[in-house]
């Protein structure tokens, strides 16, 4: 894990796990696992035997499914 920030643009959470040659936070890691499960059980067997570089296209495909939510605007001070 060489990255110090999550692969997902705009995410400032602490790095939790590798995703190919990149790193992702815990929330995105759990989302990635769910995405892989939906691809079918063969995805886990195939993915486990891949090198980190071979995993990158799958990570990129998953990352394209992530919707980036805008940070909440600063609330106005209470009168």
N, C-alpha and C. Protein backbone atom coordinates (compact mmCIF):
# COMPACT_ATOMS: atom_id res chain seq x y z
N UNK A 1 0.85 -1.17 0.00
CA UNK A 1 0.00 0.00 0.00
C UNK A 1 0.89 1.23 0.00
N UNK A 2 1.02 1.84 -1.14
CA UNK A 2 1.90 2.98 -1.27
C UNK A 2 1.15 4.30 -1.11
N UNK A 3 -0.13 4.29 -1.43
CA UNK A 3 -0.91 5.52 -1.34
C UNK A 3 -1.22 5.83 0.11
N UNK A 4 -1.28 7.11 0.41
CA UNK A 4 -1.62 7.53 1.76
C UNK A 4 -3.08 7.92 1.88
N UNK A 5 -3.76 8.04 0.73
CA UNK A 5 -5.17 8.40 0.72
C UNK A 5 -5.95 7.36 -0.08
N UNK A 6 -7.23 7.36 0.13
CA UNK A 6 -8.13 6.44 -0.57
C UNK A 6 -8.10 6.73 -2.07
N UNK A 7 -8.20 5.68 -2.87
CA UNK A 7 -8.21 5.79 -4.33
C UNK A 7 -9.38 6.63 -4.84
N UNK A 8 -10.50 6.58 -4.14
CA UNK A 8 -11.71 7.27 -4.58
C UNK A 8 -11.53 8.78 -4.40
N UNK A 9 -11.70 9.50 -5.49
CA UNK A 9 -11.51 10.95 -5.48
C UNK A 9 -12.45 11.61 -4.47
N UNK A 10 -11.89 12.47 -3.65
CA UNK A 10 -12.67 13.20 -2.67
C UNK A 10 -12.75 12.51 -1.32
N UNK A 11 -12.35 11.26 -1.23
CA UNK A 11 -12.41 10.53 0.05
C UNK A 11 -11.15 10.84 0.84
N UNK A 12 -11.33 11.29 2.06
CA UNK A 12 -10.21 11.65 2.92
C UNK A 12 -9.99 10.66 4.05
N UNK A 13 -10.70 9.54 4.02
CA UNK A 13 -10.60 8.54 5.09
C UNK A 13 -9.24 7.87 5.07
N UNK A 14 -8.86 7.35 6.22
CA UNK A 14 -7.57 6.66 6.37
C UNK A 14 -7.54 5.38 5.53
N UNK A 15 -6.42 5.09 4.94
CA UNK A 15 -6.24 3.89 4.12
C UNK A 15 -6.44 2.65 4.98
N UNK A 16 -7.14 1.66 4.42
CA UNK A 16 -7.47 0.45 5.17
C UNK A 16 -6.92 -0.81 4.50
N UNK A 17 -7.06 -0.91 3.18
CA UNK A 17 -6.69 -2.15 2.49
C UNK A 17 -6.24 -1.87 1.07
N UNK A 18 -5.45 -2.80 0.50
CA UNK A 18 -5.04 -2.62 -0.90
C UNK A 18 -6.19 -2.92 -1.85
N UNK A 19 -6.14 -2.29 -2.99
CA UNK A 19 -7.07 -2.55 -4.09
C UNK A 19 -6.23 -2.49 -5.35
N UNK A 20 -5.74 -3.61 -5.76
CA UNK A 20 -4.78 -3.63 -6.85
C UNK A 20 -3.50 -2.96 -6.37
N UNK A 21 -2.97 -2.06 -7.16
CA UNK A 21 -1.75 -1.35 -6.75
C UNK A 21 -2.07 -0.07 -6.00
N UNK A 22 -3.34 0.16 -5.70
CA UNK A 22 -3.79 1.34 -4.97
C UNK A 22 -4.28 0.93 -3.58
N UNK A 23 -4.77 1.89 -2.82
CA UNK A 23 -5.30 1.63 -1.49
C UNK A 23 -6.66 2.30 -1.35
N UNK A 24 -7.51 1.70 -0.51
CA UNK A 24 -8.84 2.27 -0.28
C UNK A 24 -9.15 2.26 1.22
N UNK A 25 -10.11 3.09 1.61
CA UNK A 25 -10.53 3.18 3.01
C UNK A 25 -11.44 1.99 3.35
N UNK A 26 -11.77 1.86 4.61
CA UNK A 26 -12.58 0.72 5.05
C UNK A 26 -13.96 0.71 4.41
N UNK A 27 -14.61 1.85 4.35
CA UNK A 27 -15.96 1.93 3.77
C UNK A 27 -15.94 1.50 2.30
N UNK A 28 -14.98 1.98 1.55
CA UNK A 28 -14.88 1.62 0.15
C UNK A 28 -14.43 0.17 -0.02
N UNK A 29 -13.61 -0.34 0.89
CA UNK A 29 -13.20 -1.73 0.84
C UNK A 29 -14.41 -2.65 0.98
N UNK A 30 -15.28 -2.35 1.93
CA UNK A 30 -16.49 -3.16 2.11
C UNK A 30 -17.39 -3.07 0.89
N UNK A 31 -17.47 -1.89 0.30
CA UNK A 31 -18.25 -1.71 -0.92
C UNK A 31 -17.64 -2.52 -2.06
N UNK A 32 -16.33 -2.56 -2.14
CA UNK A 32 -15.62 -3.33 -3.18
C UNK A 32 -15.88 -4.83 -3.01
N UNK A 33 -15.85 -5.30 -1.77
CA UNK A 33 -16.14 -6.72 -1.52
C UNK A 33 -17.56 -7.07 -1.95
N UNK A 34 -18.51 -6.21 -1.66
CA UNK A 34 -19.90 -6.43 -2.06
C UNK A 34 -20.00 -6.47 -3.58
N UNK A 35 -19.33 -5.57 -4.25
CA UNK A 35 -19.34 -5.53 -5.71
C UNK A 35 -18.77 -6.83 -6.29
N UNK A 36 -17.67 -7.30 -5.69
CA UNK A 36 -17.07 -8.55 -6.17
C UNK A 36 -17.99 -9.74 -5.92
N UNK A 37 -18.68 -9.76 -4.79
CA UNK A 37 -19.62 -10.86 -4.50
C UNK A 37 -20.74 -10.90 -5.54
N UNK A 38 -21.19 -9.73 -5.95
CA UNK A 38 -22.26 -9.66 -6.95
C UNK A 38 -21.80 -10.16 -8.31
N UNK A 39 -20.50 -10.11 -8.53
CA UNK A 39 -19.95 -10.63 -9.79
C UNK A 39 -19.98 -12.16 -9.83
N UNK A 40 -20.14 -12.79 -8.69
CA UNK A 40 -20.24 -14.25 -8.63
C UNK A 40 -19.08 -14.87 -7.86
N UNK A 41 -19.28 -16.11 -7.42
CA UNK A 41 -18.25 -16.79 -6.61
C UNK A 41 -16.93 -17.01 -7.37
N UNK A 42 -17.00 -17.16 -8.67
CA UNK A 42 -15.78 -17.36 -9.44
C UNK A 42 -14.86 -16.15 -9.38
N UNK A 43 -15.43 -14.97 -9.11
CA UNK A 43 -14.61 -13.75 -9.01
C UNK A 43 -13.63 -13.86 -7.85
N UNK A 44 -14.05 -14.43 -6.72
CA UNK A 44 -13.15 -14.55 -5.58
C UNK A 44 -12.01 -15.52 -5.88
N UNK A 45 -12.30 -16.63 -6.52
CA UNK A 45 -11.27 -17.60 -6.86
C UNK A 45 -10.27 -17.00 -7.85
N UNK A 46 -10.78 -16.36 -8.86
CA UNK A 46 -9.93 -15.75 -9.89
C UNK A 46 -9.11 -14.61 -9.30
N UNK A 47 -9.75 -13.74 -8.53
CA UNK A 47 -9.11 -12.56 -7.95
C UNK A 47 -7.98 -12.97 -7.00
N UNK A 48 -8.20 -14.02 -6.23
CA UNK A 48 -7.21 -14.46 -5.25
C UNK A 48 -5.90 -14.88 -5.92
N UNK A 49 -5.96 -15.38 -7.14
CA UNK A 49 -4.77 -15.84 -7.83
C UNK A 49 -4.09 -14.78 -8.67
N UNK A 50 -4.61 -13.56 -8.65
CA UNK A 50 -4.04 -12.49 -9.47
C UNK A 50 -2.96 -11.71 -8.73
N UNK A 51 -2.05 -11.13 -9.51
CA UNK A 51 -1.08 -10.20 -8.93
C UNK A 51 -1.78 -8.86 -8.72
N UNK A 52 -1.16 -7.98 -7.99
CA UNK A 52 -1.76 -6.67 -7.74
C UNK A 52 -1.98 -5.91 -9.06
N UNK A 53 -1.04 -6.02 -9.98
CA UNK A 53 -1.17 -5.33 -11.26
C UNK A 53 -2.33 -5.90 -12.07
N UNK A 54 -2.54 -7.21 -12.00
CA UNK A 54 -3.64 -7.84 -12.73
C UNK A 54 -5.00 -7.45 -12.15
N UNK A 55 -5.03 -7.05 -10.90
CA UNK A 55 -6.27 -6.66 -10.24
C UNK A 55 -6.72 -5.24 -10.62
N UNK A 56 -5.77 -4.42 -11.08
CA UNK A 56 -6.07 -3.02 -11.37
C UNK A 56 -7.27 -2.79 -12.29
N UNK A 57 -7.44 -3.56 -13.39
CA UNK A 57 -8.61 -3.32 -14.25
C UNK A 57 -9.94 -3.54 -13.52
N UNK A 58 -9.97 -4.52 -12.61
CA UNK A 58 -11.19 -4.77 -11.83
C UNK A 58 -11.45 -3.63 -10.85
N UNK A 59 -10.38 -3.14 -10.25
CA UNK A 59 -10.51 -2.01 -9.33
C UNK A 59 -11.01 -0.78 -10.09
N UNK A 60 -10.48 -0.56 -11.27
CA UNK A 60 -10.90 0.59 -12.08
C UNK A 60 -12.37 0.45 -12.48
N UNK A 61 -12.78 -0.75 -12.85
CA UNK A 61 -14.20 -0.98 -13.21
C UNK A 61 -15.10 -0.69 -12.01
N UNK A 62 -14.71 -1.17 -10.84
CA UNK A 62 -15.49 -0.92 -9.63
C UNK A 62 -15.50 0.57 -9.29
N UNK A 63 -14.35 1.22 -9.38
CA UNK A 63 -14.25 2.64 -9.02
C UNK A 63 -15.18 3.49 -9.88
N UNK A 64 -15.42 3.07 -11.11
CA UNK A 64 -16.33 3.81 -11.98
C UNK A 64 -17.78 3.70 -11.53
N UNK A 65 -18.08 2.74 -10.67
CA UNK A 65 -19.45 2.59 -10.17
C UNK A 65 -19.70 3.42 -8.92
N UNK A 66 -18.65 3.99 -8.35
CA UNK A 66 -18.77 4.77 -7.11
C UNK A 66 -19.24 6.17 -7.45
N UNK A 67 -20.29 6.58 -6.75
CA UNK A 67 -20.80 7.94 -6.92
C UNK A 67 -20.14 8.82 -5.86
N UNK A 68 -19.50 9.87 -6.31
CA UNK A 68 -18.83 10.79 -5.39
C UNK A 68 -19.87 11.75 -4.84
N UNK A 69 -20.01 11.74 -3.53
CA UNK A 69 -20.96 12.65 -2.88
C UNK A 69 -20.22 13.89 -2.44
N UNK A 70 -20.85 15.02 -2.63
CA UNK A 70 -20.23 16.27 -2.21
C UNK A 70 -20.22 16.37 -0.70
N UNK A 71 -19.20 17.01 -0.20
CA UNK A 71 -19.11 17.24 1.24
C UNK A 71 -20.23 18.17 1.65
N UNK A 72 -20.82 17.95 2.82
CA UNK A 72 -21.90 18.84 3.26
C UNK A 72 -21.40 20.26 3.43
N UNK A 73 -22.22 21.20 3.03
CA UNK A 73 -21.86 22.61 3.16
C UNK A 73 -21.83 23.00 4.63
N UNK A 74 -21.01 23.96 4.95
CA UNK A 74 -20.92 24.44 6.34
C UNK A 74 -22.27 25.05 6.70
N UNK A 75 -22.78 24.65 7.83
CA UNK A 75 -24.09 25.18 8.23
C UNK A 75 -23.95 26.62 8.74
N UNK A 76 -25.00 27.37 8.55
CA UNK A 76 -25.03 28.75 9.01
C UNK A 76 -25.09 28.77 10.53
N UNK A 77 -24.44 29.73 11.14
CA UNK A 77 -24.47 29.81 12.61
C UNK A 77 -25.89 30.06 13.12
N UNK A 78 -26.18 29.47 14.25
CA UNK A 78 -27.51 29.63 14.87
C UNK A 78 -27.61 31.03 15.46
N UNK A 79 -28.75 31.72 15.27
CA UNK A 79 -28.90 33.08 15.82
C UNK A 79 -29.03 33.07 17.33
